[in-house]
Protein backbone atom coordinates (compact mmCIF):
# COMPACT_ATOMS: atom_id res chain seq x y z
CA MET A 1 10.97 -37.77 -3.72
CA SER A 2 9.41 -40.85 -2.17
CA PHE A 3 5.73 -41.65 -2.61
CA LEU A 4 5.18 -41.16 1.15
CA LYS A 5 6.78 -37.69 1.11
CA GLN A 6 4.73 -36.72 -1.95
CA ALA A 7 1.53 -37.81 -0.21
CA LEU A 8 2.41 -35.82 2.92
CA LEU A 9 3.16 -32.73 0.82
CA VAL A 10 -0.18 -32.97 -0.98
CA LEU A 11 -1.96 -33.36 2.36
CA LEU A 12 -0.16 -30.30 3.77
CA LEU A 13 -1.04 -28.17 0.75
CA CYS A 14 -4.68 -29.17 0.96
CA CYS A 15 -4.82 -28.16 4.60
CA CYS A 16 -3.49 -24.70 3.73
CA ILE A 17 -6.20 -23.98 1.16
CA ALA A 18 -9.23 -22.11 2.58
CA LYS A 19 -12.24 -24.36 2.61
CA PRO A 20 -15.83 -23.76 3.57
CA ALA A 21 -16.36 -24.35 7.27
CA GLN A 22 -18.06 -27.59 8.15
CA THR A 23 -21.64 -27.08 9.25
CA ALA A 24 -22.06 -27.64 12.99
CA ALA A 25 -24.87 -29.63 14.60
CA LEU A 26 -28.15 -27.92 13.81
CA LYS A 27 -31.48 -27.31 15.50
CA GLN A 28 -34.71 -25.96 14.08
CA PHE A 29 -35.84 -22.43 14.87
CA VAL A 30 -39.43 -21.34 14.21
CA ASN A 31 -40.65 -17.74 14.19
CA SER A 32 -44.44 -17.86 14.01
CA ALA A 33 -44.79 -14.06 14.10
CA GLN A 34 -42.59 -13.37 11.09
CA GLY A 35 -43.56 -16.68 9.51
CA TYR A 36 -40.46 -18.73 8.80
CA SER A 37 -38.43 -21.69 10.04
CA LEU A 38 -34.70 -22.24 9.72
CA SER A 39 -32.07 -24.69 10.90
CA ILE A 40 -29.42 -22.86 12.94
CA PRO A 41 -26.28 -24.04 14.75
CA ALA A 42 -27.33 -25.83 17.93
CA SER A 43 -24.96 -23.66 19.99
CA SER A 44 -26.40 -20.39 18.66
CA HIS A 45 -27.10 -17.40 20.86
CA ILE A 46 -30.53 -16.16 19.75
CA ASP A 47 -31.12 -12.41 19.72
CA GLN A 48 -34.64 -11.12 19.10
CA SER A 49 -34.12 -7.72 20.72
CA PHE A 50 -35.70 -5.88 17.78
CA PRO A 51 -38.17 -8.42 16.35
CA THR A 52 -39.77 -6.09 13.79
CA VAL A 53 -36.36 -5.65 12.15
CA ARG A 54 -34.44 -8.92 12.39
CA ASP A 55 -33.49 -12.09 14.25
CA VAL A 56 -29.81 -12.80 14.93
CA PHE A 57 -28.23 -16.22 15.54
CA SER A 58 -24.57 -16.17 16.50
CA THR A 59 -21.78 -18.58 17.36
CA GLU A 60 -18.12 -17.79 17.87
CA ASP A 61 -17.40 -17.92 14.15
CA LEU A 62 -20.75 -17.49 12.42
CA VAL A 63 -23.60 -14.98 12.52
CA ILE A 64 -26.88 -15.44 10.67
CA GLU A 65 -29.08 -12.33 10.50
CA VAL A 66 -32.64 -12.70 9.20
CA TYR A 67 -34.24 -9.44 8.00
CA PHE A 68 -37.89 -8.72 7.23
CA ASP A 69 -38.92 -6.21 4.55
CA ASP A 70 -42.33 -5.12 3.28
CA LEU A 71 -41.90 -2.91 0.22
CA SER A 72 -45.61 -2.09 -0.13
CA LYS A 73 -45.13 1.35 1.45
CA GLN A 74 -41.95 2.14 -0.50
CA ARG A 75 -41.22 3.14 -4.06
CA ALA A 76 -39.17 -0.01 -4.48
CA ASN A 77 -39.45 -3.55 -5.78
CA PHE A 78 -37.37 -6.70 -5.40
CA ASP A 79 -34.92 -5.67 -8.12
CA ASP A 80 -34.42 -2.27 -6.46
CA TYR A 81 -33.76 -4.00 -3.17
CA ILE A 82 -31.04 -6.17 -4.70
CA TYR A 83 -29.50 -3.37 -6.75
CA TYR A 84 -29.28 -0.89 -3.89
CA GLY A 85 -27.92 -3.45 -1.43
CA ASN A 86 -25.15 -4.46 -3.85
CA LYS A 87 -24.41 -1.02 -5.28
CA MET A 88 -21.30 -0.23 -3.25
CA LEU A 89 -19.78 -3.71 -3.45
CA SER A 90 -18.14 -2.95 -6.79
CA LEU A 91 -16.94 0.53 -5.79
CA SER A 92 -15.03 -0.25 -2.62
CA GLU A 93 -11.58 -1.76 -3.02
CA ARG A 94 -12.12 -3.59 0.28
CA HIS A 95 -14.90 -5.79 -1.16
CA ASN A 96 -14.25 -8.83 -3.33
CA LEU A 97 -17.49 -9.90 -5.01
CA THR A 98 -17.40 -13.61 -5.88
CA ALA A 99 -21.03 -14.46 -6.77
CA ASP A 100 -24.18 -12.54 -7.67
CA HIS A 101 -27.08 -14.42 -9.20
CA ALA A 102 -30.76 -15.30 -9.08
CA GLU A 103 -31.62 -18.77 -7.83
CA THR A 104 -34.35 -20.90 -6.32
CA VAL A 105 -34.25 -21.76 -2.62
CA ASN A 106 -36.60 -24.57 -1.62
CA GLY A 107 -38.94 -23.53 -4.43
CA TYR A 108 -38.81 -19.83 -3.51
CA SER A 109 -37.50 -17.20 -5.89
CA ALA A 110 -34.31 -15.71 -4.46
CA HIS A 111 -31.14 -13.77 -5.17
CA THR A 112 -27.74 -14.60 -3.67
CA THR A 113 -24.66 -12.41 -3.37
CA VAL A 114 -21.33 -13.64 -1.98
CA TRP A 115 -18.34 -11.45 -1.11
CA GLN A 116 -15.44 -11.07 1.27
CA ARG A 117 -12.97 -8.45 2.48
CA GLN A 118 -9.59 -8.40 4.21
CA LYS A 119 -9.42 -9.04 7.95
CA LEU A 120 -9.41 -5.99 10.25
CA SER A 121 -6.57 -6.10 12.74
CA LYS A 122 -8.42 -4.54 15.69
CA LEU A 123 -11.23 -7.12 15.68
CA SER A 124 -10.50 -10.29 17.59
CA LYS A 125 -13.25 -12.10 15.68
CA ASP A 126 -13.66 -10.53 12.28
CA ARG A 127 -16.40 -12.20 10.28
CA ASN A 128 -15.22 -11.03 6.88
CA TYR A 129 -16.86 -13.68 4.67
CA TYR A 130 -20.40 -12.84 3.62
CA GLN A 131 -23.40 -14.27 1.85
CA SER A 132 -26.75 -12.55 1.42
CA THR A 133 -29.73 -14.49 0.12
CA ALA A 134 -32.94 -12.51 -0.36
CA ILE A 135 -36.04 -14.70 -0.63
CA ARG A 136 -39.40 -13.51 -1.97
CA ARG A 137 -42.38 -14.20 0.24
CA ASN A 138 -44.59 -12.51 -2.34
CA SER A 139 -44.37 -9.53 -4.71
CA GLN A 140 -43.84 -7.10 -1.82
CA GLU A 141 -42.37 -9.02 1.13
CA ILE A 142 -38.79 -10.24 1.39
CA VAL A 143 -36.96 -12.35 3.96
CA THR A 144 -33.18 -11.94 3.76
CA LEU A 145 -30.60 -14.28 5.27
CA LEU A 146 -27.27 -12.52 5.79
CA PHE A 147 -24.39 -14.84 6.73
CA LYS A 148 -21.15 -13.50 8.26
CA SER A 149 -18.30 -15.85 9.04
CA THR A 150 -14.64 -15.87 10.05
CA GLN A 151 -14.00 -18.28 7.17
CA PRO A 152 -15.69 -19.39 3.94
CA ILE A 153 -18.96 -21.12 4.69
CA ASP A 154 -21.29 -23.48 2.91
CA ALA A 155 -24.71 -21.86 3.44
CA GLN A 156 -26.63 -24.58 1.60
CA PRO A 157 -27.62 -26.65 4.68
CA TYR A 158 -29.21 -23.52 6.16
CA LEU A 159 -30.90 -22.43 2.93
CA GLN A 160 -32.21 -25.92 2.23
CA SER A 161 -33.89 -25.93 5.64
CA PHE A 162 -35.60 -22.59 5.13
CA GLN A 163 -39.40 -22.58 4.99
CA LEU A 164 -41.98 -19.79 4.84
CA LEU A 165 -44.87 -20.32 7.26
CA PRO A 166 -48.19 -18.61 7.99
CA GLN A 167 -47.76 -15.63 10.32
CA THR A 168 -49.86 -16.84 13.25
CA ALA A 169 -48.41 -15.06 16.31
CA LYS A 170 -47.91 -11.49 17.49
CA LEU A 171 -44.47 -9.91 17.53
CA LYS A 172 -42.98 -9.78 21.00
CA SER A 173 -39.65 -8.33 22.10
CA ILE A 174 -37.57 -10.27 24.62
CA ARG A 175 -35.06 -7.46 24.99
CA LYS A 176 -33.36 -7.21 28.37
CA PHE A 177 -32.23 -3.73 29.29
CA GLY A 178 -28.72 -3.18 30.61
CA LYS A 179 -26.73 -0.40 32.21
CA SER A 180 -23.95 1.60 30.61
CA LYS A 181 -20.37 0.80 31.57
CA THR A 182 -19.11 4.29 30.64
CA LEU A 183 -16.61 5.50 33.23
CA MET A 184 -17.59 8.98 34.46
CA ASN A 185 -15.83 11.25 36.91
CA ALA A 186 -17.81 12.97 39.67
CA ALA A 187 -18.48 16.14 37.67
CA THR A 188 -19.73 14.17 34.65
CA LYS A 189 -21.98 11.99 36.81
CA ALA A 190 -23.43 15.16 38.35
CA LYS A 191 -23.99 16.73 34.93
CA PHE A 192 -25.63 13.55 33.67
CA GLU A 193 -28.03 13.58 36.61
CA GLU A 194 -28.69 17.30 36.14
CA LEU A 195 -29.57 16.90 32.47
CA PHE A 196 -30.94 13.37 32.25
CA GLY A 197 -32.07 12.29 35.71
CA ASN A 198 -35.67 11.19 36.18
CA LYS A 199 -36.59 14.54 37.72
CA ALA A 200 -34.55 16.65 35.30
CA PRO A 201 -36.57 19.33 33.46
CA LEU A 202 -36.39 19.83 29.71
CA THR A 203 -33.23 21.70 28.70
CA TRP A 204 -32.90 23.59 25.42
CA GLY A 205 -29.88 23.64 23.13
CA ILE A 206 -28.99 25.17 19.78
CA PHE A 207 -26.76 24.76 16.76
CA GLU A 208 -25.41 28.13 15.71
CA PRO A 209 -23.31 27.77 12.50
CA ASN A 210 -21.00 30.63 13.44
CA ALA A 211 -20.15 29.19 16.86
CA VAL A 212 -16.85 27.74 15.67
CA SER A 213 -14.45 29.62 17.92
CA SER A 214 -16.78 31.82 20.00
CA PHE A 215 -20.40 32.23 21.05
CA PHE A 216 -20.70 35.85 19.87
CA HIS A 217 -23.45 35.18 17.31
CA LEU A 218 -25.21 32.77 19.67
CA GLU A 219 -25.33 35.45 22.36
CA GLN A 220 -26.98 37.81 19.87
CA LYS A 221 -29.71 35.25 19.23
CA GLU A 222 -30.12 34.68 22.96
CA ALA A 223 -30.65 38.41 23.52
CA GLN A 224 -33.24 38.40 20.75
CA LEU A 225 -35.07 35.41 22.25
CA ASP A 226 -34.51 36.31 25.90
CA HIS A 227 -33.22 32.80 26.64
CA LYS A 228 -29.84 31.28 27.41
CA PHE A 229 -29.25 27.91 25.71
CA LYS A 230 -27.42 25.53 28.02
CA VAL A 231 -26.41 23.08 25.28
CA ALA A 232 -24.45 24.13 22.18
CA LEU A 233 -23.96 21.79 19.21
CA ARG A 234 -20.58 21.63 17.44
CA TYR A 235 -19.54 19.31 14.59
CA GLN A 236 -16.13 17.77 13.93
CA SER A 237 -14.60 15.55 11.26
CA ILE A 238 -11.92 13.00 11.95
CA GLY A 239 -8.51 14.64 12.02
CA ASN A 240 -9.81 17.73 13.84
CA LEU A 241 -8.42 18.65 17.22
CA VAL A 242 -10.68 18.83 20.26
CA PRO A 243 -12.08 22.43 20.33
CA LEU A 244 -10.61 23.16 23.76
CA PHE A 245 -11.10 26.94 23.63
CA LEU A 246 -14.79 26.62 22.81
CA LEU A 247 -15.21 23.91 25.48
CA GLU A 248 -13.62 26.17 28.08
CA GLN A 249 -15.74 29.12 26.99
CA ALA A 250 -18.88 26.98 27.20
CA GLU A 251 -17.92 25.83 30.69
CA GLN A 252 -17.34 29.41 31.85
CA GLN A 253 -20.75 30.45 30.51
CA GLY A 254 -22.58 27.57 32.13
CA ARG A 255 -23.07 25.61 28.91
CA ILE A 256 -22.17 22.09 27.81
CA LEU A 257 -21.04 21.21 24.30
CA GLU A 258 -22.80 18.51 22.30
CA LEU A 259 -19.62 17.53 20.49
CA THR A 260 -20.53 15.59 17.36
CA LEU A 261 -17.62 13.63 15.89
CA SER A 262 -18.06 12.12 12.42
CA THR A 263 -15.47 9.57 11.34
CA THR A 264 -15.37 11.26 7.97
CA TYR A 265 -12.80 13.40 6.16
CA ALA A 266 -14.01 16.99 6.00
CA ALA A 267 -13.37 17.36 2.25
CA ASN A 268 -16.43 15.30 1.22
CA PRO A 269 -18.62 14.85 4.31
CA ASP A 270 -21.82 14.25 2.31
CA ALA A 271 -21.52 10.83 0.71
CA LEU A 272 -24.36 11.45 -1.75
CA LYS A 273 -22.79 14.63 -3.08
CA ALA A 274 -19.34 13.04 -3.32
CA GLY A 275 -20.48 9.96 -5.21
CA GLY A 276 -18.30 7.14 -6.52
CA ARG A 277 -14.87 6.39 -5.12
CA ASP A 278 -13.63 8.52 -2.23
CA PRO A 279 -11.15 8.08 0.68
CA ASN A 280 -14.15 8.16 3.02
CA LEU A 281 -15.39 4.93 1.48
CA THR A 282 -12.94 2.83 3.51
CA ILE A 283 -12.47 5.02 6.58
CA ALA A 284 -14.50 2.78 8.92
CA TYR A 285 -12.33 -0.17 7.90
CA ASP A 286 -9.19 1.95 8.28
CA ILE A 287 -10.08 2.86 11.87
CA LEU A 288 -10.66 -0.81 12.71
CA ASP A 289 -7.33 -1.60 11.10
CA GLY A 290 -5.56 0.73 13.54
CA LYS A 291 -4.62 3.38 10.98
CA PHE A 292 -6.04 6.20 13.12
CA ASP A 293 -4.70 5.07 16.49
CA ASN A 294 -2.12 7.86 16.70
CA TYR A 295 -4.80 10.48 16.06
CA LEU A 296 -7.18 8.85 18.54
CA GLU A 297 -4.40 8.73 21.13
CA PHE A 298 -3.88 12.49 20.88
CA TYR A 299 -7.64 13.16 20.75
CA ALA A 300 -8.11 11.08 23.92
CA GLN A 301 -5.35 13.04 25.68
CA GLN A 302 -7.07 16.31 24.78
CA LEU A 303 -10.45 15.10 26.02
CA LYS A 304 -8.91 13.85 29.24
CA GLY A 305 -7.01 17.10 29.71
CA PHE A 306 -10.22 19.15 29.49
CA ASP A 307 -11.76 16.79 32.07
CA LYS A 308 -15.14 18.57 32.22
CA PRO A 309 -18.43 17.04 31.01
CA ILE A 310 -19.04 16.72 27.26
CA LEU A 311 -22.06 15.29 25.43
CA PHE A 312 -20.18 13.09 22.97
CA ARG A 313 -22.35 12.29 19.94
CA LEU A 314 -20.51 9.88 17.66
CA ASN A 315 -21.51 9.25 14.02
CA ASN A 316 -25.11 10.48 14.15
CA GLU A 317 -27.74 9.74 11.48
CA MET A 318 -25.96 6.51 10.62
CA ASN A 319 -29.13 5.15 8.99
CA GLY A 320 -28.92 7.81 6.28
CA ASP A 321 -27.03 7.04 3.07
CA TRP A 322 -25.53 10.54 3.09
CA CYS A 323 -23.27 9.31 5.93
CA TRP A 324 -20.09 7.45 4.99
CA TYR A 325 -20.42 5.28 8.10
CA SER A 326 -23.82 3.99 6.99
CA ALA A 327 -24.03 0.24 6.32
CA PHE A 328 -24.71 1.17 2.69
CA TYR A 329 -20.94 1.69 2.37
CA THR A 330 -19.94 -1.44 4.32
CA ALA A 331 -21.97 -3.84 2.19
CA ARG A 332 -25.03 -3.89 4.48
CA ASP A 333 -22.96 -4.87 7.51
CA SER A 334 -24.14 -2.61 10.37
CA ASP A 335 -21.79 -4.50 12.68
CA ILE A 336 -18.92 -2.40 11.28
CA TYR A 337 -20.60 0.73 12.68
CA LYS A 338 -21.17 -0.95 16.04
CA GLN A 339 -17.65 -2.38 16.21
CA LEU A 340 -16.21 1.04 15.45
CA TRP A 341 -18.34 2.58 18.22
CA VAL A 342 -17.25 -0.07 20.74
CA TYR A 343 -13.63 0.28 19.66
CA LEU A 344 -13.65 4.04 20.31
CA HIS A 345 -15.59 3.65 23.57
CA ASP A 346 -13.05 1.12 24.85
CA PHE A 347 -10.12 3.13 23.46
CA PHE A 348 -11.09 6.20 25.48
CA SER A 349 -12.04 4.17 28.54
CA LYS A 350 -8.66 2.44 28.66
CA ARG A 351 -7.03 5.87 28.64
CA GLN A 352 -9.15 7.01 31.58
CA VAL A 353 -11.20 9.54 29.63
CA GLN A 354 -14.04 9.92 32.13
CA ASN A 355 -15.81 13.12 31.05
CA LEU A 356 -17.88 11.83 28.13
CA ILE A 357 -21.62 11.19 28.02
CA TRP A 358 -22.10 8.94 24.96
CA VAL A 359 -25.06 9.89 22.76
CA TRP A 360 -26.30 7.47 20.07
CA ASN A 361 -28.49 9.40 17.62
CA PRO A 362 -30.17 7.97 14.48
CA HIS A 363 -32.44 9.83 12.04
CA ASP A 364 -36.17 9.23 12.35
CA LYS A 365 -36.33 8.06 8.73
CA SER A 366 -33.98 5.48 7.29
CA PHE A 367 -32.63 5.98 3.77
CA PRO A 368 -33.03 3.46 2.24
CA GLU A 369 -35.95 2.10 4.24
CA PHE A 370 -34.71 -1.49 4.13
CA ALA A 371 -34.49 -3.52 7.33
CA TRP A 372 -30.70 -3.92 7.12
CA ASN A 373 -30.54 -0.11 7.37
CA HIS A 374 -33.06 0.29 10.20
CA ALA A 375 -31.78 2.49 13.03
CA PHE A 376 -32.01 -0.34 15.57
CA ALA A 377 -29.63 -2.51 13.51
CA TYR A 378 -26.93 0.02 14.46
CA TYR A 379 -27.45 0.02 18.21
CA PRO A 380 -24.07 -0.73 19.87
CA GLY A 381 -25.65 -2.08 23.06
CA ASP A 382 -26.84 -0.65 26.36
CA GLU A 383 -23.41 -0.92 27.94
CA TYR A 384 -21.94 1.49 25.36
CA VAL A 385 -24.71 4.11 25.24
CA ASP A 386 -25.67 6.64 27.92
CA VAL A 387 -28.34 8.65 26.09
CA VAL A 388 -30.50 7.73 23.09
CA GLY A 389 -30.96 10.52 20.58
CA MET A 390 -33.75 11.38 18.17
CA THR A 391 -33.60 13.49 15.04
CA GLY A 392 -36.75 14.31 13.12
CA TYR A 393 -37.05 17.42 10.95
CA ASN A 394 -40.01 19.14 9.39
CA THR A 395 -38.23 19.59 6.08
CA GLY A 396 -41.09 21.50 4.43
CA ASN A 397 -41.86 20.88 0.78
CA TYR A 398 -39.24 22.81 -1.17
CA PHE A 399 -37.51 19.64 -2.36
CA ALA A 400 -39.28 16.96 -4.41
CA GLY A 401 -40.59 14.08 -2.32
CA GLU A 402 -40.64 16.04 0.95
CA SER A 403 -43.73 17.26 2.79
CA TRP A 404 -44.70 19.44 5.71
CA ARG A 405 -44.85 17.44 8.96
CA GLU A 406 -46.09 18.77 12.27
CA PHE A 407 -43.96 18.15 15.36
CA LYS A 408 -46.55 15.77 16.82
CA GLU A 409 -46.74 13.86 13.54
CA ILE A 410 -42.98 13.26 13.70
CA TYR A 411 -42.49 12.57 17.39
CA ASP A 412 -45.64 10.70 18.48
CA PRO A 413 -44.66 7.47 16.66
CA LEU A 414 -40.93 7.99 17.22
CA TYR A 415 -41.28 8.50 20.96
CA ALA A 416 -43.60 5.49 21.33
CA GLU A 417 -41.19 3.26 19.37
CA TYR A 418 -38.16 4.39 21.37
CA CYS A 419 -39.93 4.02 24.73
CA ALA A 420 -40.79 0.44 23.80
CA ASN A 421 -37.22 -0.42 22.84
CA PHE A 422 -34.89 1.59 25.09
CA ASP A 423 -34.51 2.13 28.83
CA LYS A 424 -32.38 5.26 28.47
CA PRO A 425 -33.04 9.00 28.74
CA PHE A 426 -33.70 10.72 25.41
CA ILE A 427 -32.26 13.77 23.68
CA ILE A 428 -33.46 15.40 20.48
CA GLY A 429 -29.90 15.78 19.25
CA GLU A 430 -31.02 18.17 16.52
CA PHE A 431 -34.32 19.20 14.99
CA ALA A 432 -36.12 22.18 13.44
CA SER A 433 -38.90 23.28 11.14
CA ALA A 434 -38.30 24.65 7.67
CA SER A 435 -40.19 27.69 6.36
CA TYR A 436 -41.58 26.47 3.02
CA GLY A 437 -44.88 24.62 3.02
CA GLY A 438 -46.70 25.85 6.12
CA ASN A 439 -46.85 28.22 9.05
CA LYS A 440 -43.52 27.93 10.87
CA ALA A 441 -44.55 30.12 13.81
CA ALA A 442 -47.67 28.00 14.39
CA TRP A 443 -45.50 24.86 14.11
CA ILE A 444 -43.23 26.20 16.86
CA SER A 445 -46.14 27.09 19.15
CA ALA A 446 -47.62 23.61 18.74
CA MET A 447 -44.18 22.06 19.31
CA PHE A 448 -43.84 23.74 22.72
CA LYS A 449 -47.28 22.45 23.66
CA ASN A 450 -46.75 18.88 22.42
CA ILE A 451 -43.21 18.29 23.68
CA LYS A 452 -44.58 18.22 27.22
CA ASP A 453 -46.19 14.88 26.32
CA TYR A 454 -42.73 13.26 26.03
CA PRO A 455 -41.29 13.35 29.58
CA ARG A 456 -38.32 11.09 28.76
CA ILE A 457 -36.99 13.71 26.33
CA LYS A 458 -34.66 15.68 28.57
CA VAL A 459 -32.78 17.86 26.07
CA ALA A 460 -33.90 19.35 22.73
CA VAL A 461 -31.45 21.06 20.35
CA TRP A 462 -32.73 23.41 17.62
CA TRP A 463 -30.65 23.32 14.41
CA SER A 464 -30.55 26.98 13.34
CA GLY A 465 -29.10 26.73 9.84
CA ILE A 466 -29.96 26.52 6.14
CA ASP A 467 -29.91 23.63 3.65
CA ARG A 468 -29.42 24.85 0.09
CA ASP A 469 -30.22 23.28 -3.27
CA SER A 470 -27.62 22.51 -5.96
CA ASN A 471 -27.78 26.13 -7.15
CA GLY A 472 -27.11 27.55 -3.69
CA ILE A 473 -30.70 28.67 -3.16
CA PRO A 474 -32.05 28.17 0.40
CA GLY A 475 -34.33 25.15 0.32
CA ARG A 476 -34.81 24.37 4.00
CA ILE A 477 -34.61 27.49 6.15
CA TYR A 478 -34.35 26.22 9.72
CA LEU A 479 -33.19 29.51 11.26
CA ILE A 480 -34.54 30.14 14.74
CA ASN A 481 -34.96 33.86 13.98
CA ASP A 482 -35.75 34.10 10.25
CA THR A 483 -38.93 36.16 10.69
CA PRO A 484 -40.49 38.31 13.44
CA ALA A 485 -43.25 35.68 13.76
CA THR A 486 -40.68 32.91 14.30
CA VAL A 487 -38.87 34.98 16.93
CA ALA A 488 -42.13 35.77 18.74
CA ALA A 489 -43.19 32.10 18.81
CA MET A 490 -39.79 30.92 20.06
CA LYS A 491 -39.55 33.67 22.65
CA GLN A 492 -43.01 32.90 23.99
CA GLY A 493 -42.36 29.16 24.16
CA LEU A 494 -38.97 29.51 25.84
CA LYS A 495 -40.37 31.71 28.60
CA ALA A 496 -41.38 28.64 30.58
CA TYR A 497 -37.76 27.44 30.61
CA ASN A 498 -36.04 30.62 31.79
């Protein structure tokens, strides 16, 4: 082989080897409220929609997310933060961990983790190369830079530019509200206006565990409470068929189903109880790789065939680590949750499914309480959400670490935070009070009084069930009719809504 041919072959081979992307032209960004400066690509789109949680800088190929954590109110330290964020990296076969070490960044103590995963076929721009660098501001505060790229990236120019600054300004959101692009038929638009219009009254709903194929047990409770619930909550796991019979029965009785679909196999729906390796660990990736398209195709046909309004609540409580679709299981990348949501929204829209009202519904508390797991980090965008949900339970104090919380204590701060960040109608997708730790009947009476202070909450759904401990003993009794006092308080409060 000639010298020229050898040189060309070497050049060709070098071009085929993945190399870190060259850093684009940079500009300096300063956040005086959170107290840092950073060089970012000059062409970056800057997103400060949720400034208490994070800043996001994005180009076509690169995203830099900057998260802000104060651990002073948590039972956690810097080491806990690193350990918990990296915990699932070694368990999932989709993640390839390539670096994990302590380092110094511009004189600041830090910890860097680098990993990657295979590309997902349904994402046109899959940023599957990651680097997370957590930088200590002090013993309690952490600023984390999370890099996501379509190709390997050299993060050093960005890290070398990073500086911590005095926090001299007030936080200010520059969020611009947008309208949903959900396609709705005439009946669904009318139902949306009936339930969620500005002048719509508060409507009550219920989860009845036995309402799987009929409303027989629900009707018994309604007779006891002298109230007809217009919204009924039903759960589904991926692989289930649309519950057409129950939907038809609800329609005939003047109800609407809050159909909650979890992209989780039914065998181990609780990620914390399952532990370790499980098929659910990669299910979000599998959906975005097209492995569930045949199922989704049939599911869409069933929804379209029913053609009457449905409250469609997808992957609720995503900021809880008991949910397989939490970012805890996708290596802190909440974009996977959002991309899955958008993929399903578009999938159904393209197939002319026009009877869904899309409900996005986090938990009021994030577990863990780190910024990368904050509820707002999972928001798919105004164009993909019709109703914003809230879920806040008074869990009582049966379980260690839990305490009795009054309805007002839960929903005053939650309602204020959501009003400041969303221009959508609200639904309490599920809530209840447990029985251990206080006076449940008094809690209910106060709830009916206080809920009137939240006019943007248009629907409230009571979760009438039981959470048991590891020995099967009832720990959180949320039943709507567990005692005569509970029944009396509910019956009295519901009178105003008959």
